[in-house]
Amino acid sequence: MGKSDRTEGRKAIRTAEKGKHTGKITPLSAGKQATAKTNYKEKIYGQRTMRKVEKKMKKTIFEELGGTYVRCGDYLIPNLTLPEEEEPRFVGVWGQRHLQYLKEYRKTVYLDLMMSGRLNSYLADIEEQAQERFGRIVEQMKQAQGITEQLKADNALEWVGRMNNIQACAREIVDKEIIYQ
């Protein structure tokens, strides 16, 4: 081995240390090959022992209640599903407004209702209450202001204006008492 061969070898080592690729592939030494094989065997052995340990592990509360897991790589992910609702009920404008209010300002209540599967029935109940209250308020205000069918026949524009005013007032009352509470 000549002097030039040694200097080339040193240059190759220096460039490899700096992170540059020299184009030459150097085989692993016998010691490094043995270490790589051992690490692979340990990895396989570790997976086997991990499975054995999982079989012997004490059941969690989730498993005792009938819950199951799915394996994704090294992780166990629980199978979670939402409970089914009895039957979907109609949720109209009032229920949608209350839903928006819950999402923005009462997140814990919204999440609790959604996770328990009672959200749709709750919103349908709010819808029924609001419709009932709105109708009652409109009738009471019509009687208080003396709006009759005779006014509707005599002066339709005045009747429409007064009714719009009554409905706007009733909407405000229902919003304050039921929807945004």
C-alpha atoms as a PDB file:
ATOM      1  CA  MET A   1       0.000   0.000   0.000  1.00  0.00           C
ATOM      2  CA  GLY A   2       1.537   3.215  -1.177  1.00  0.00           C
ATOM      3  CA  LYS A   3       1.560   6.648   0.267  1.00  0.00           C
ATOM      4  CA  SER A   4      -1.045   7.863  -2.232  1.00  0.00           C
ATOM      5  CA  ASP A   5      -3.466   5.090  -1.213  1.00  0.00           C
ATOM      6  CA  ARG A   6      -3.293   6.192   2.408  1.00  0.00           C
ATOM      7  CA  THR A   7      -3.928   9.829   1.580  1.00  0.00           C
ATOM      8  CA  GLU A   8      -6.929   8.869  -0.573  1.00  0.00           C
ATOM      9  CA  GLY A   9      -8.322   6.806   2.300  1.00  0.00           C
ATOM     10  CA  ARG A  10      -7.861   9.714   4.712  1.00  0.00           C
ATOM     11  CA  LYS A  11      -9.590  12.104   2.296  1.00  0.00           C
ATOM     12  CA  ALA A  12     -12.517   9.697   1.971  1.00  0.00           C
ATOM     13  CA  ILE A  13     -12.816   9.469   5.763  1.00  0.00           C
ATOM     14  CA  ARG A  14     -12.692  13.260   6.159  1.00  0.00           C
ATOM     15  CA  THR A  15     -15.401  13.834   3.537  1.00  0.00           C
ATOM     16  CA  ALA A  16     -17.572  11.125   5.094  1.00  0.00           C
ATOM     17  CA  GLU A  17     -17.151  12.773   8.497  1.00  0.00           C
ATOM     18  CA  LYS A  18     -18.223  16.099   7.019  1.00  0.00           C
ATOM     19  CA  GLY A  19     -21.394  14.497   5.664  1.00  0.00           C
ATOM     20  CA  LYS A  20     -20.392  14.428   1.994  1.00  0.00           C
ATOM     21  CA  HIS A  21     -20.970  11.303  -0.045  1.00  0.00           C
ATOM     22  CA  THR A  22     -17.846   9.963  -1.737  1.00  0.00           C
ATOM     23  CA  GLY A  23     -19.614   7.510  -4.020  1.00  0.00           C
ATOM     24  CA  LYS A  24     -17.898   4.541  -2.404  1.00  0.00           C
ATOM     25  CA  ILE A  25     -19.900   2.083  -0.340  1.00  0.00           C
ATOM     26  CA  THR A  26     -18.005   0.656   2.547  1.00  0.00           C
ATOM     27  CA  PRO A  27     -19.191  -2.620   4.036  1.00  0.00           C
ATOM     28  CA  LEU A  28     -19.985  -2.839   7.736  1.00  0.00           C
ATOM     29  CA  SER A  29     -17.353  -4.344   9.935  1.00  0.00           C
ATOM     30  CA  ALA A  30     -18.026  -7.751  11.475  1.00  0.00           C
ATOM     31  CA  GLY A  31     -18.767  -6.212  14.882  1.00  0.00           C
ATOM     32  CA  LYS A  32     -21.309  -3.738  13.452  1.00  0.00           C
ATOM     33  CA  GLN A  33     -23.033  -6.512  11.476  1.00  0.00           C
ATOM     34  CA  ALA A  34     -23.437  -8.594  14.632  1.00  0.00           C
ATOM     35  CA  THR A  35     -24.855  -5.584  16.501  1.00  0.00           C
ATOM     36  CA  ALA A  36     -27.398  -4.916  13.726  1.00  0.00           C
ATOM     37  CA  LYS A  37     -28.574  -8.543  13.791  1.00  0.00           C
ATOM     38  CA  THR A  38     -28.858  -8.465  17.578  1.00  0.00           C
ATOM     39  CA  ASN A  39     -30.915  -5.237  17.490  1.00  0.00           C
ATOM     40  CA  TYR A  40     -33.314  -6.797  14.950  1.00  0.00           C
ATOM     41  CA  LYS A  41     -33.721  -9.907  17.088  1.00  0.00           C
ATOM     42  CA  GLU A  42     -34.330  -7.775  20.171  1.00  0.00           C
ATOM     43  CA  LYS A  43     -36.977  -5.814  18.300  1.00  0.00           C
ATOM     44  CA  ILE A  44     -38.838  -8.991  17.295  1.00  0.00           C
ATOM     45  CA  TYR A  45     -38.434 -10.465  20.774  1.00  0.00           C
ATOM     46  CA  GLY A  46     -39.695  -7.183  22.291  1.00  0.00           C
ATOM     47  CA  GLN A  47     -42.840  -7.308  20.161  1.00  0.00           C
ATOM     48  CA  ARG A  48     -43.517 -10.899  21.213  1.00  0.00           C
ATOM     49  CA  THR A  49     -43.082 -10.126  24.887  1.00  0.00           C
ATOM     50  CA  MET A  50     -45.273  -7.052  24.469  1.00  0.00           C
ATOM     51  CA  ARG A  51     -48.108  -9.230  23.142  1.00  0.00           C
ATOM     52  CA  LYS A  52     -47.663 -11.683  26.010  1.00  0.00           C
ATOM     53  CA  VAL A  53     -47.780  -8.865  28.546  1.00  0.00           C
ATOM     54  CA  GLU A  54     -50.932  -7.443  26.941  1.00  0.00           C
ATOM     55  CA  LYS A  55     -52.644 -10.829  27.276  1.00  0.00           C
ATOM     56  CA  LYS A  56     -51.748 -11.037  30.978  1.00  0.00           C
ATOM     57  CA  MET A  57     -52.638  -7.388  31.743  1.00  0.00           C
ATOM     58  CA  LYS A  58     -55.493  -6.596  34.072  1.00  0.00           C
ATOM     59  CA  LYS A  59     -58.615  -5.385  32.264  1.00  0.00           C
ATOM     60  CA  THR A  60     -59.271  -1.649  32.305  1.00  0.00           C
ATOM     61  CA  ILE A  61     -62.579  -0.182  33.460  1.00  0.00           C
ATOM     62  CA  PHE A  62     -63.368   0.505  29.792  1.00  0.00           C
ATOM     63  CA  GLU A  63     -62.904  -3.188  28.959  1.00  0.00           C
ATOM     64  CA  GLU A  64     -64.905  -4.301  32.006  1.00  0.00           C
ATOM     65  CA  LEU A  65     -67.822  -2.201  30.748  1.00  0.00           C
ATOM     66  CA  GLY A  66     -67.667  -3.978  27.373  1.00  0.00           C
ATOM     67  CA  GLY A  67     -65.350  -1.633  25.496  1.00  0.00           C
ATOM     68  CA  THR A  68     -62.925  -2.868  22.868  1.00  0.00           C
ATOM     69  CA  TYR A  69     -59.714  -1.563  21.342  1.00  0.00           C
ATOM     70  CA  VAL A  70     -58.191  -1.516  17.851  1.00  0.00           C
ATOM     71  CA  ARG A  71     -54.429  -1.835  17.415  1.00  0.00           C
ATOM     72  CA  CYS A  72     -52.822   0.868  15.240  1.00  0.00           C
ATOM     73  CA  GLY A  73     -49.085   0.270  15.222  1.00  0.00           C
ATOM     74  CA  ASP A  74     -47.953   0.230  18.843  1.00  0.00           C
ATOM     75  CA  TYR A  75     -51.077   2.015  20.117  1.00  0.00           C
ATOM     76  CA  LEU A  76     -54.407   0.687  21.305  1.00  0.00           C
ATOM     77  CA  ILE A  77     -57.246   3.005  20.297  1.00  0.00           C
ATOM     78  CA  PRO A  78     -60.683   2.550  21.932  1.00  0.00           C
ATOM     79  CA  ASN A  79     -63.725   1.903  19.731  1.00  0.00           C
ATOM     80  CA  LEU A  80     -66.071   4.743  20.663  1.00  0.00           C
ATOM     81  CA  THR A  81     -69.534   5.343  19.220  1.00  0.00           C
ATOM     82  CA  LEU A  82     -72.282   7.811  20.011  1.00  0.00           C
ATOM     83  CA  PRO A  83     -75.559   6.426  21.370  1.00  0.00           C
ATOM     84  CA  GLU A  84     -78.460   6.271  18.928  1.00  0.00           C
ATOM     85  CA  GLU A  85     -81.360   8.679  19.379  1.00  0.00           C
ATOM     86  CA  GLU A  86     -84.903   7.332  19.492  1.00  0.00           C
ATOM     87  CA  GLU A  87     -86.243   9.146  16.441  1.00  0.00           C
ATOM     88  CA  PRO A  88     -85.146  12.395  14.833  1.00  0.00           C
ATOM     89  CA  ARG A  89     -87.614  15.191  15.583  1.00  0.00           C
ATOM     90  CA  PHE A  90     -88.138  18.435  13.686  1.00  0.00           C
ATOM     91  CA  VAL A  91     -85.874  21.317  14.682  1.00  0.00           C
ATOM     92  CA  GLY A  92     -86.945  24.632  13.160  1.00  0.00           C
ATOM     93  CA  VAL A  93     -85.694  28.209  13.267  1.00  0.00           C
ATOM     94  CA  TRP A  94     -85.922  28.571  17.036  1.00  0.00           C
ATOM     95  CA  GLY A  95     -84.048  25.315  17.634  1.00  0.00           C
ATOM     96  CA  GLN A  96     -81.354  26.292  15.120  1.00  0.00           C
ATOM     97  CA  ARG A  97     -80.870  29.654  16.822  1.00  0.00           C
ATOM     98  CA  HIS A  98     -80.522  27.961  20.196  1.00  0.00           C
ATOM     99  CA  LEU A  99     -78.063  25.440  18.718  1.00  0.00           C
ATOM    100  CA  GLN A 100     -75.907  28.287  17.417  1.00  0.00           C
ATOM    101  CA  TYR A 101     -76.049  29.937  20.851  1.00  0.00           C
ATOM    102  CA  LEU A 102     -74.974  26.688  22.545  1.00  0.00           C
ATOM    103  CA  LYS A 103     -72.057  26.207  20.152  1.00  0.00           C
ATOM    104  CA  GLU A 104     -70.755  29.743  20.671  1.00  0.00           C
ATOM    105  CA  TYR A 105     -71.441  30.489  24.335  1.00  0.00           C
ATOM    106  CA  ARG A 106     -72.297  27.217  26.141  1.00  0.00           C
ATOM    107  CA  LYS A 107     -69.821  24.732  24.680  1.00  0.00           C
ATOM    108  CA  THR A 108     -69.868  22.368  27.651  1.00  0.00           C
ATOM    109  CA  VAL A 109     -73.663  22.064  27.566  1.00  0.00           C
ATOM    110  CA  TYR A 110     -73.550  21.530  23.787  1.00  0.00           C
ATOM    111  CA  LEU A 111     -70.877  18.816  24.057  1.00  0.00           C
ATOM    112  CA  ASP A 112     -72.691  17.105  26.931  1.00  0.00           C
ATOM    113  CA  LEU A 113     -75.965  16.969  24.982  1.00  0.00           C
ATOM    114  CA  MET A 114     -74.252  15.833  21.813  1.00  0.00           C
ATOM    115  CA  MET A 115     -72.180  13.098  23.470  1.00  0.00           C
ATOM    116  CA  SER A 116     -75.155  11.750  25.398  1.00  0.00           C
ATOM    117  CA  GLY A 117     -77.310  11.649  22.246  1.00  0.00           C
ATOM    118  CA  ARG A 118     -79.964  14.032  23.584  1.00  0.00           C
ATOM    119  CA  LEU A 119     -79.174  17.094  21.440  1.00  0.00           C
ATOM    120  CA  ASN A 120     -81.885  16.603  18.808  1.00  0.00           C
ATOM    121  CA  SER A 121     -84.668  15.960  21.310  1.00  0.00           C
ATOM    122  CA  TYR A 122     -83.512  18.915  23.437  1.00  0.00           C
ATOM    123  CA  LEU A 123     -83.574  21.260  20.428  1.00  0.00           C
ATOM    124  CA  ALA A 124     -86.986  19.926  19.353  1.00  0.00           C
ATOM    125  CA  ASP A 125     -88.330  20.685  22.849  1.00  0.00           C
ATOM    126  CA  ILE A 126     -86.921  24.219  22.661  1.00  0.00           C
ATOM    127  CA  GLU A 127     -88.565  24.609  19.230  1.00  0.00           C
ATOM    128  CA  GLU A 128     -91.974  23.570  20.603  1.00  0.00           C
ATOM    129  CA  GLN A 129     -91.715  25.840  23.642  1.00  0.00           C
ATOM    130  CA  ALA A 130     -90.649  28.833  21.538  1.00  0.00           C
ATOM    131  CA  GLN A 131     -93.432  28.311  18.972  1.00  0.00           C
ATOM    132  CA  GLU A 132     -96.011  28.028  21.736  1.00  0.00           C
ATOM    133  CA  ARG A 133     -94.755  31.134  23.549  1.00  0.00           C
ATOM    134  CA  PHE A 134     -94.529  33.135  20.307  1.00  0.00           C
ATOM    135  CA  GLY A 135     -98.156  32.339  19.402  1.00  0.00           C
ATOM    136  CA  ARG A 136     -99.383  33.199  22.895  1.00  0.00           C
ATOM    137  CA  ILE A 137     -97.557  36.553  22.925  1.00  0.00           C
ATOM    138  CA  VAL A 138     -98.852  37.523  19.469  1.00  0.00           C
ATOM    139  CA  GLU A 139    -102.454  36.791  20.495  1.00  0.00           C
ATOM    140  CA  GLN A 140    -102.125  38.731  23.754  1.00  0.00           C
ATOM    141  CA  MET A 141    -100.603  41.748  22.000  1.00  0.00           C
ATOM    142  CA  LYS A 142    -103.288  41.692  19.279  1.00  0.00           C
ATOM    143  CA  GLN A 143    -105.992  41.850  21.937  1.00  0.00           C
ATOM    144  CA  ALA A 144    -104.174  44.575  23.884  1.00  0.00           C
ATOM    145  CA  GLN A 145    -103.775  46.782  20.786  1.00  0.00           C
ATOM    146  CA  GLY A 146    -107.282  46.102  19.458  1.00  0.00           C
ATOM    147  CA  ILE A 147    -106.246  44.524  16.163  1.00  0.00           C
ATOM    148  CA  THR A 148    -109.227  42.642  14.736  1.00  0.00           C
ATOM    149  CA  GLU A 149    -110.344  41.056  11.479  1.00  0.00           C
ATOM    150  CA  GLN A 150    -112.447  44.185  10.871  1.00  0.00           C
ATOM    151  CA  LEU A 151    -109.251  46.290  10.715  1.00  0.00           C
ATOM    152  CA  LYS A 152    -107.789  43.751   8.304  1.00  0.00           C
ATOM    153  CA  ALA A 153    -110.815  44.123   5.996  1.00  0.00           C
ATOM    154  CA  ASP A 154    -110.980  47.931   6.253  1.00  0.00           C
ATOM    155  CA  ASN A 155    -107.275  48.890   6.076  1.00  0.00           C
ATOM    156  CA  ALA A 156    -105.014  46.010   5.081  1.00  0.00           C
ATOM    157  CA  LEU A 157    -101.783  48.038   5.044  1.00  0.00           C
ATOM    158  CA  GLU A 158    -102.250  49.316   8.575  1.00  0.00           C
ATOM    159  CA  TRP A 159    -103.096  45.780   9.762  1.00  0.00           C
ATOM    160  CA  VAL A 160     -99.928  44.365   8.114  1.00  0.00           C
ATOM    161  CA  GLY A 161     -97.773  47.086   9.683  1.00  0.00           C
ATOM    162  CA  ARG A 162     -99.160  46.507  13.165  1.00  0.00           C
ATOM    163  CA  MET A 163     -98.862  42.718  12.849  1.00  0.00           C
ATOM    164  CA  ASN A 164     -95.246  43.002  11.721  1.00  0.00           C
ATOM    165  CA  ASN A 165     -94.547  45.205  14.729  1.00  0.00           C
ATOM    166  CA  ILE A 166     -96.229  42.719  17.092  1.00  0.00           C
ATOM    167  CA  GLN A 167     -94.336  39.767  15.597  1.00  0.00           C
ATOM    168  CA  ALA A 168     -91.001  41.602  15.888  1.00  0.00           C
ATOM    169  CA  CYS A 169     -91.720  42.355  19.560  1.00  0.00           C
ATOM    170  CA  ALA A 170     -92.785  38.751  20.198  1.00  0.00           C
ATOM    171  CA  ARG A 171     -89.592  37.462  18.502  1.00  0.00           C
ATOM    172  CA  GLU A 172     -87.478  39.653  20.784  1.00  0.00           C
ATOM    173  CA  ILE A 173     -89.289  38.384  23.877  1.00  0.00           C
ATOM    174  CA  VAL A 174     -88.942  34.719  22.873  1.00  0.00           C
ATOM    175  CA  ASP A 175     -85.260  35.221  22.025  1.00  0.00           C
ATOM    176  CA  LYS A 176     -84.589  36.756  25.417  1.00  0.00           C
ATOM    177  CA  GLU A 177     -86.676  34.295  27.492  1.00  0.00           C
ATOM    178  CA  ILE A 178     -86.001  30.971  25.756  1.00  0.00           C
ATOM    179  CA  ILE A 179     -83.409  31.013  22.990  1.00  0.00           C
ATOM    180  CA  TYR A 180     -80.513  32.995  24.465  1.00  0.00           C
ATOM    181  CA  GLN A 181     -80.737  31.731  28.016  1.00  0.00           C
END
